[in-house]
Amino acid sequence: MANSSAARKAAARLAGWDYDFFGHQLTIQEVPKLIKTARIYNPKSSVPSDHWGIVLPMADWKKLRDKLKKVGYPFFIEPRTVMKGEVGEQVSMFIEDPDGHAIEFKAFESAKDLFRKN
């Protein structure tokens, strides 16, 4: 690759940036804008298929929910209880980042319920 300013900028974009996100690695890369043909593939659900989720302790989830409401941040899916009374019951809310990517924040009464099957 040529040693030019444009080449260095292109390499930096490909390399991306890494952040510590709640103890997880979040890598951000600049890429051309993608065109989405469909957002939700399950007609029985309003949950976008192209989302990623963050599991928080219940107290932190409630603080985040309350803060988002207080500042008027729009919810993609309002805070709610999911699978009430079933294995996997959780509270969940979705927001979108400035580029329209859906992010789910969820919490369980007990951390051991995250991957519980029965």
N, C-alpha and C. Protein backbone atom coordinates (compact mmCIF):
# COMPACT_ATOMS: atom_id res chain seq x y z
N MET A 1 0.86 -1.17 0.00
CA MET A 1 0.00 0.00 0.00
C MET A 1 0.90 1.23 0.00
N ALA A 2 0.56 2.21 -0.80
CA ALA A 2 1.35 3.44 -0.90
C ALA A 2 1.36 4.16 0.45
N ASN A 3 2.48 4.81 0.74
CA ASN A 3 2.62 5.54 2.00
C ASN A 3 2.09 6.96 1.82
N SER A 4 0.81 7.11 1.74
CA SER A 4 0.20 8.42 1.56
C SER A 4 -0.80 8.67 2.67
N SER A 5 -1.22 9.89 2.78
CA SER A 5 -2.22 10.25 3.80
C SER A 5 -3.51 9.47 3.57
N ALA A 6 -3.94 9.36 2.32
CA ALA A 6 -5.18 8.63 2.00
C ALA A 6 -5.04 7.15 2.36
N ALA A 7 -3.87 6.58 2.11
CA ALA A 7 -3.65 5.16 2.43
C ALA A 7 -3.68 4.94 3.94
N ARG A 8 -3.07 5.84 4.70
CA ARG A 8 -3.09 5.72 6.16
C ARG A 8 -4.51 5.84 6.70
N LYS A 9 -5.28 6.77 6.13
CA LYS A 9 -6.67 6.94 6.58
C LYS A 9 -7.49 5.70 6.25
N ALA A 10 -7.27 5.12 5.07
CA ALA A 10 -8.00 3.90 4.69
C ALA A 10 -7.64 2.76 5.63
N ALA A 11 -6.36 2.63 5.98
CA ALA A 11 -5.93 1.57 6.89
C ALA A 11 -6.54 1.78 8.26
N ALA A 12 -6.62 3.02 8.72
CA ALA A 12 -7.22 3.30 10.03
C ALA A 12 -8.69 2.93 10.04
N ARG A 13 -9.39 3.19 8.94
CA ARG A 13 -10.82 2.82 8.87
C ARG A 13 -10.99 1.31 8.91
N LEU A 14 -10.12 0.60 8.22
CA LEU A 14 -10.22 -0.86 8.22
C LEU A 14 -9.89 -1.43 9.58
N ALA A 15 -8.95 -0.82 10.28
CA ALA A 15 -8.56 -1.32 11.58
C ALA A 15 -9.65 -1.09 12.61
N GLY A 16 -10.34 0.02 12.53
CA GLY A 16 -11.43 0.32 13.46
C GLY A 16 -10.92 0.79 14.80
N TRP A 17 -11.84 0.89 15.72
CA TRP A 17 -11.54 1.35 17.08
C TRP A 17 -12.17 0.37 18.05
N ASP A 18 -11.45 0.03 19.09
CA ASP A 18 -11.94 -0.90 20.11
C ASP A 18 -12.25 -0.15 21.39
N TYR A 19 -13.37 -0.49 22.02
CA TYR A 19 -13.80 0.14 23.25
C TYR A 19 -14.16 -0.92 24.28
N ASP A 20 -14.00 -0.59 25.55
CA ASP A 20 -14.46 -1.44 26.64
C ASP A 20 -15.92 -1.08 26.88
N PHE A 21 -16.82 -1.98 26.57
CA PHE A 21 -18.26 -1.74 26.66
C PHE A 21 -18.84 -2.70 27.68
N PHE A 22 -19.01 -2.23 28.92
CA PHE A 22 -19.52 -3.06 30.02
C PHE A 22 -18.70 -4.34 30.17
N GLY A 23 -17.37 -4.23 29.98
CA GLY A 23 -16.50 -5.39 30.11
C GLY A 23 -16.43 -6.26 28.86
N HIS A 24 -17.05 -5.80 27.78
CA HIS A 24 -17.01 -6.53 26.51
C HIS A 24 -16.30 -5.65 25.48
N GLN A 25 -15.70 -6.26 24.49
CA GLN A 25 -15.04 -5.50 23.45
C GLN A 25 -16.06 -5.09 22.40
N LEU A 26 -16.09 -3.82 22.10
CA LEU A 26 -16.94 -3.29 21.05
C LEU A 26 -16.02 -2.69 20.00
N THR A 27 -16.08 -3.20 18.78
CA THR A 27 -15.24 -2.72 17.70
C THR A 27 -16.10 -1.92 16.73
N ILE A 28 -15.65 -0.73 16.43
CA ILE A 28 -16.36 0.17 15.52
C ILE A 28 -15.52 0.35 14.26
N GLN A 29 -16.13 0.15 13.12
CA GLN A 29 -15.44 0.37 11.85
C GLN A 29 -16.29 1.25 10.97
N GLU A 30 -15.64 2.10 10.21
CA GLU A 30 -16.34 2.93 9.24
C GLU A 30 -16.46 2.13 7.95
N VAL A 31 -17.68 1.92 7.51
CA VAL A 31 -17.93 1.16 6.29
C VAL A 31 -18.96 1.92 5.45
N PRO A 32 -19.07 1.58 4.18
CA PRO A 32 -20.12 2.22 3.37
C PRO A 32 -21.49 1.92 3.96
N LYS A 33 -22.42 2.83 3.81
CA LYS A 33 -23.77 2.64 4.35
C LYS A 33 -24.43 1.44 3.67
N LEU A 34 -25.01 0.60 4.48
CA LEU A 34 -25.71 -0.58 3.97
C LEU A 34 -27.19 -0.27 3.80
N ILE A 35 -27.79 -0.87 2.83
CA ILE A 35 -29.23 -0.71 2.60
C ILE A 35 -29.92 -1.96 3.13
N LYS A 36 -30.83 -1.78 4.05
CA LYS A 36 -31.56 -2.90 4.62
C LYS A 36 -32.84 -3.12 3.83
N THR A 37 -33.09 -4.36 3.48
CA THR A 37 -34.31 -4.65 2.73
C THR A 37 -35.47 -4.97 3.65
N ALA A 38 -35.19 -5.55 4.80
CA ALA A 38 -36.23 -5.87 5.77
C ALA A 38 -35.61 -5.82 7.15
N ARG A 39 -36.37 -5.39 8.12
CA ARG A 39 -35.83 -5.25 9.47
C ARG A 39 -36.29 -6.39 10.37
N ILE A 40 -37.53 -6.80 10.18
CA ILE A 40 -38.11 -7.83 11.04
C ILE A 40 -38.54 -8.99 10.15
N TYR A 41 -37.97 -10.16 10.41
CA TYR A 41 -38.25 -11.31 9.57
C TYR A 41 -39.31 -12.23 10.16
N ASN A 42 -39.65 -12.05 11.43
CA ASN A 42 -40.65 -12.89 12.07
C ASN A 42 -41.94 -12.08 12.16
N PRO A 43 -42.97 -12.43 11.40
CA PRO A 43 -44.21 -11.64 11.41
C PRO A 43 -44.95 -11.65 12.75
N LYS A 44 -44.58 -12.57 13.65
CA LYS A 44 -45.23 -12.63 14.97
C LYS A 44 -44.48 -11.80 16.02
N SER A 45 -43.45 -11.08 15.60
CA SER A 45 -42.62 -10.36 16.55
C SER A 45 -42.29 -8.97 16.03
N SER A 46 -42.09 -8.04 16.95
CA SER A 46 -41.64 -6.70 16.57
C SER A 46 -40.15 -6.53 16.84
N VAL A 47 -39.50 -7.61 17.27
CA VAL A 47 -38.07 -7.55 17.59
C VAL A 47 -37.27 -7.61 16.29
N PRO A 48 -36.40 -6.61 16.06
CA PRO A 48 -35.60 -6.64 14.84
C PRO A 48 -34.61 -7.80 14.85
N SER A 49 -34.47 -8.45 13.73
CA SER A 49 -33.58 -9.61 13.66
C SER A 49 -32.11 -9.18 13.71
N ASP A 50 -31.82 -7.96 13.35
CA ASP A 50 -30.43 -7.50 13.31
C ASP A 50 -30.10 -6.62 14.52
N HIS A 51 -30.35 -7.14 15.70
CA HIS A 51 -30.03 -6.39 16.91
C HIS A 51 -28.97 -7.12 17.72
N TRP A 52 -28.40 -6.41 18.66
CA TRP A 52 -27.54 -7.07 19.63
C TRP A 52 -27.97 -6.64 21.01
N GLY A 53 -27.74 -7.51 21.98
CA GLY A 53 -28.26 -7.28 23.31
C GLY A 53 -27.19 -7.13 24.36
N ILE A 54 -27.54 -6.38 25.38
CA ILE A 54 -26.66 -6.16 26.52
C ILE A 54 -27.43 -6.55 27.76
N VAL A 55 -26.89 -7.47 28.54
CA VAL A 55 -27.53 -7.90 29.77
C VAL A 55 -26.94 -7.09 30.93
N LEU A 56 -27.81 -6.45 31.67
CA LEU A 56 -27.40 -5.64 32.81
C LEU A 56 -27.98 -6.23 34.09
N PRO A 57 -27.35 -5.94 35.22
CA PRO A 57 -28.01 -6.26 36.49
C PRO A 57 -29.32 -5.48 36.57
N MET A 58 -30.32 -6.03 37.26
CA MET A 58 -31.65 -5.42 37.29
C MET A 58 -31.61 -3.95 37.75
N ALA A 59 -30.85 -3.66 38.79
CA ALA A 59 -30.79 -2.28 39.29
C ALA A 59 -30.24 -1.32 38.23
N ASP A 60 -29.23 -1.76 37.48
CA ASP A 60 -28.66 -0.92 36.42
C ASP A 60 -29.65 -0.75 35.27
N TRP A 61 -30.37 -1.82 34.94
CA TRP A 61 -31.37 -1.74 33.87
C TRP A 61 -32.44 -0.70 34.24
N LYS A 62 -32.90 -0.74 35.48
CA LYS A 62 -33.93 0.21 35.92
C LYS A 62 -33.41 1.64 35.90
N LYS A 63 -32.15 1.83 36.31
CA LYS A 63 -31.56 3.18 36.26
C LYS A 63 -31.48 3.68 34.82
N LEU A 64 -31.05 2.81 33.91
CA LEU A 64 -30.94 3.20 32.50
C LEU A 64 -32.32 3.52 31.93
N ARG A 65 -33.29 2.66 32.20
CA ARG A 65 -34.67 2.90 31.74
C ARG A 65 -35.17 4.27 32.23
N ASP A 66 -34.97 4.53 33.51
CA ASP A 66 -35.45 5.79 34.08
C ASP A 66 -34.73 6.99 33.49
N LYS A 67 -33.43 6.85 33.25
CA LYS A 67 -32.66 7.96 32.66
C LYS A 67 -33.10 8.22 31.22
N LEU A 68 -33.29 7.16 30.44
CA LEU A 68 -33.74 7.33 29.06
C LEU A 68 -35.10 8.01 29.00
N LYS A 69 -35.99 7.60 29.90
CA LYS A 69 -37.31 8.24 29.97
C LYS A 69 -37.19 9.71 30.36
N LYS A 70 -36.35 9.99 31.35
CA LYS A 70 -36.20 11.35 31.86
C LYS A 70 -35.70 12.31 30.78
N VAL A 71 -34.73 11.85 29.98
CA VAL A 71 -34.18 12.73 28.94
C VAL A 71 -34.98 12.68 27.65
N GLY A 72 -36.00 11.83 27.60
CA GLY A 72 -36.86 11.76 26.43
C GLY A 72 -36.28 11.01 25.25
N TYR A 73 -35.34 10.08 25.52
CA TYR A 73 -34.76 9.30 24.43
C TYR A 73 -35.83 8.35 23.91
N PRO A 74 -36.05 8.29 22.60
CA PRO A 74 -37.12 7.43 22.07
C PRO A 74 -36.77 5.95 22.14
N PHE A 75 -37.74 5.16 22.53
CA PHE A 75 -37.57 3.72 22.55
C PHE A 75 -38.03 3.14 21.21
N PHE A 76 -37.27 2.19 20.69
CA PHE A 76 -37.71 1.44 19.51
C PHE A 76 -38.78 0.45 19.94
N ILE A 77 -38.54 -0.21 21.08
CA ILE A 77 -39.55 -1.04 21.74
C ILE A 77 -39.53 -0.61 23.21
N GLU A 78 -40.67 -0.20 23.71
CA GLU A 78 -40.81 0.31 25.07
C GLU A 78 -40.38 -0.73 26.11
N PRO A 79 -39.90 -0.29 27.27
CA PRO A 79 -39.56 -1.23 28.34
C PRO A 79 -40.76 -2.10 28.69
N ARG A 80 -40.49 -3.40 28.83
CA ARG A 80 -41.58 -4.34 29.09
C ARG A 80 -41.03 -5.63 29.69
N THR A 81 -41.95 -6.43 30.23
CA THR A 81 -41.58 -7.76 30.70
C THR A 81 -41.85 -8.73 29.56
N VAL A 82 -40.89 -9.57 29.29
CA VAL A 82 -40.96 -10.54 28.20
C VAL A 82 -41.05 -11.94 28.82
N MET A 83 -41.87 -12.79 28.24
CA MET A 83 -42.03 -14.18 28.67
C MET A 83 -42.48 -14.27 30.13
N LYS A 84 -43.39 -13.41 30.51
CA LYS A 84 -43.86 -13.35 31.90
C LYS A 84 -44.37 -14.71 32.37
N GLY A 85 -43.86 -15.13 33.52
CA GLY A 85 -44.27 -16.40 34.11
C GLY A 85 -43.62 -17.62 33.50
N GLU A 86 -42.74 -17.43 32.53
CA GLU A 86 -42.09 -18.56 31.86
C GLU A 86 -40.60 -18.58 32.21
N VAL A 87 -39.95 -19.70 31.90
CA VAL A 87 -38.50 -19.76 32.00
C VAL A 87 -37.95 -18.73 31.02
N GLY A 88 -37.05 -17.92 31.48
CA GLY A 88 -36.50 -16.87 30.63
C GLY A 88 -37.17 -15.53 30.80
N GLU A 89 -38.09 -15.42 31.79
CA GLU A 89 -38.74 -14.12 32.02
C GLU A 89 -37.68 -13.06 32.23
N GLN A 90 -37.87 -11.91 31.61
CA GLN A 90 -36.90 -10.83 31.65
C GLN A 90 -37.57 -9.51 31.38
N VAL A 91 -36.90 -8.43 31.73
CA VAL A 91 -37.34 -7.11 31.30
C VAL A 91 -36.45 -6.71 30.14
N SER A 92 -37.03 -6.00 29.20
CA SER A 92 -36.32 -5.70 27.97
C SER A 92 -36.77 -4.34 27.44
N MET A 93 -35.84 -3.65 26.78
CA MET A 93 -36.16 -2.42 26.06
C MET A 93 -35.17 -2.28 24.91
N PHE A 94 -35.64 -1.66 23.85
CA PHE A 94 -34.81 -1.45 22.67
C PHE A 94 -34.71 0.03 22.37
N ILE A 95 -33.51 0.44 22.00
CA ILE A 95 -33.30 1.78 21.46
C ILE A 95 -32.55 1.63 20.15
N GLU A 96 -32.41 2.71 19.43
CA GLU A 96 -31.59 2.71 18.22
C GLU A 96 -30.45 3.69 18.41
N ASP A 97 -29.27 3.32 17.89
CA ASP A 97 -28.17 4.27 17.92
C ASP A 97 -28.38 5.28 16.79
N PRO A 98 -27.55 6.30 16.69
CA PRO A 98 -27.77 7.33 15.66
C PRO A 98 -27.80 6.82 14.23
N ASP A 99 -27.22 5.65 13.98
CA ASP A 99 -27.25 5.08 12.63
C ASP A 99 -28.39 4.10 12.42
N GLY A 100 -29.27 3.96 13.42
CA GLY A 100 -30.43 3.10 13.28
C GLY A 100 -30.22 1.65 13.67
N HIS A 101 -29.10 1.32 14.31
CA HIS A 101 -28.87 -0.04 14.77
C HIS A 101 -29.65 -0.28 16.06
N ALA A 102 -30.37 -1.36 16.13
CA ALA A 102 -31.17 -1.67 17.31
C ALA A 102 -30.30 -2.29 18.39
N ILE A 103 -30.48 -1.80 19.61
CA ILE A 103 -29.75 -2.30 20.77
C ILE A 103 -30.76 -2.66 21.84
N GLU A 104 -30.69 -3.90 22.31
CA GLU A 104 -31.58 -4.36 23.37
C GLU A 104 -30.82 -4.34 24.69
N PHE A 105 -31.46 -3.77 25.70
CA PHE A 105 -30.96 -3.86 27.07
C PHE A 105 -31.95 -4.75 27.81
N LYS A 106 -31.43 -5.76 28.50
CA LYS A 106 -32.31 -6.69 29.22
C LYS A 106 -31.74 -6.99 30.58
N ALA A 107 -32.60 -7.50 31.46
CA ALA A 107 -32.17 -7.90 32.80
C ALA A 107 -33.07 -9.03 33.28
N PHE A 108 -32.50 -9.85 34.15
CA PHE A 108 -33.20 -10.97 34.77
C PHE A 108 -33.20 -10.75 36.27
N GLU A 109 -34.19 -11.28 36.95
CA GLU A 109 -34.20 -11.19 38.41
C GLU A 109 -32.96 -11.84 39.00
N SER A 110 -32.52 -12.93 38.38
CA SER A 110 -31.32 -13.63 38.82
C SER A 110 -30.41 -13.83 37.62
N ALA A 111 -29.13 -13.52 37.77
CA ALA A 111 -28.18 -13.67 36.66
C ALA A 111 -28.12 -15.11 36.16
N LYS A 112 -28.40 -16.08 37.02
CA LYS A 112 -28.34 -17.49 36.60
C LYS A 112 -29.46 -17.85 35.61
N ASP A 113 -30.45 -16.99 35.46
CA ASP A 113 -31.56 -17.26 34.54
C ASP A 113 -31.23 -16.92 33.08
N LEU A 114 -30.11 -16.28 32.84
CA LEU A 114 -29.76 -15.85 31.48
C LEU A 114 -29.85 -16.98 30.46
N PHE A 115 -29.25 -18.12 30.74
CA PHE A 115 -29.25 -19.22 29.78
C PHE A 115 -30.03 -20.43 30.28
N ARG A 116 -30.89 -20.20 31.27
CA ARG A 116 -31.68 -21.30 31.84
C ARG A 116 -32.69 -21.82 30.83
N LYS A 117 -32.82 -23.13 30.74
CA LYS A 117 -33.73 -23.75 29.77
C LYS A 117 -34.98 -24.34 30.43
N ASN A 118 -34.90 -24.69 31.71
CA ASN A 118 -36.07 -25.26 32.39
C ASN A 118 -36.05 -24.92 33.86
